[in-house]
Amino acid sequence: GTTPHILWTSMMHPSPVFPTSIPHVLSHPSLPRSDESPVSKCASPVKVGNARMRKSHSDGSSVSLVQSWVAASEMVHEKVEPICRQSLRVCKNHPLLVSACVVMVALGVAIGMIVEEWSFLTSLYVIVQIITTIGFGDVVVTHWLMQIFMAIYVLLSLIIVANFLNIMIGAIIQQHIAKFQDKLQRMEVAAKSLKSRREARQKFGRLNDVIISSILFAVAIAAGTVFYATMERCTCSYGNTQRAYGKDACVEDSHETCVATGGFQHSWVTAFYMSVITITTVGFGDYTPKSSWGRLFGLVWMTLGVTATGSFIRAVSQAFAESDKSLEVSGAEGIDEQIFKEIDKNGDGHLTKAEFTRYILLKHGFLPREVLRDIDEKYDAMDVFRTGKVTFEMIKMTASLKAESCEDVNGATTAD
């Protein structure tokens, strides 16, 4: 009599060994959910229903909040983890470039704060303009020491920092493009009755690249438009910028007050205009981020936006290049007697496959003439008997002769 009662009591009131309010316990697939008992699959449906009802009245809202938090955290982790993994991989492959990049950015920010007396945010904002080559001109260099420093710094930062960011951000964007392309190819296989994703890639690969790059480009423009149209409807700016534009009397207590006291204003049209001008690196400078939040957002937005623009231009250019009729490989219809004699390198009256391939590579600019000349020299060096055919023994002989000549040069240098 008592044993069933104790068993039922222990089932309906589980031990606090597994606290139901801990997120990782809630998300673990092998444990029961917080709104059901550990033996709900074996208990009576009526009793389980009553238990769930009592549980939902007591702590249903808190459990729902925790579960929502766990789901959101898992989604963010799923999106951010590949980016972090790709960033770490790039950093490991380019350790010296990463170190130089950090030193260059820190040096530029520090010199701007010391010589021009900019704030940390303004100084970093100027450095990002240099790296992305936007160059608004809204924050200008006035001290002659800073002008000399900037003339040298711009050249070095474009070589070091811009190169690193191009590798880093480019790798991340290409990773997302590859994922989107994979999804599109799956959809195309299902919709077009194609045999495989390889066939979809061959047929729609370039179009998919243009579509995805266009979406990323449009998202960058939309993000800038929405942010600056809403967060910088009117701002008095701050620091040197506020003083340089004579906005010291501007009051930003409210939108109406800001407008009345002559603050910088943005409409949806000007925000859209500024977004396009900025991420395309045109950077007229008539509309620029003015508030501290606007510049903080701009640090990330300008960097990603310029990279997205580069991917978009590359995809569209490659699509146009492939559709260009002049890039189609010509056949017999493009060869007359004079061209035939030029292609027939050995002058034997016969056109070999290698000679025709050479002609196509040169005609369409697939390889520079200097590279082909270098290839000829390398082949002639291996063809020691001038038979037009190279055996493996001849390759070994050429390598041996080259090694001996290197030893002779090194020996002569040591003797000198």
Foldseek 3Di string as FASTA:
>chain_A
DVVVVVVVVCQLPPDCPQPQLDLVSQPDPVADHPLFTRVNVPDDPVVRVVSSVVVCVPCVVSSVVSPVVSVVVVVVCVVVVVLVVLLVVLCVVCVVLVVVLVVLLVVQLVCCCPVVVDDSLVSSLVVLCLLLLLCQVLDDDDDPVVVVVCVVSSVVCNVRVNVSLLVSLVSVLVVVLVVQLVVVLVVCCVPVVDDDSVVVCVVCVLVSLLVSLVVLLVVLLVVQLVCCQPVPQWDCFDDPSNVVVVQPVADPPDPVSRVVSPTDGDHSVNSSVCSVSQLCSVNNNPDDQGHSVSSVVCSVSNSNSVSSVVSNVVSVVVVVVVVDPVLDQDDPVVDDPVNVCVLPVVRPPDHDPVSSVVVRCPVNVVDDPVVVVVVVVVVVLLPVVPPPDHDVVSVVVSVVVVVVVVVVVVVVVVVD
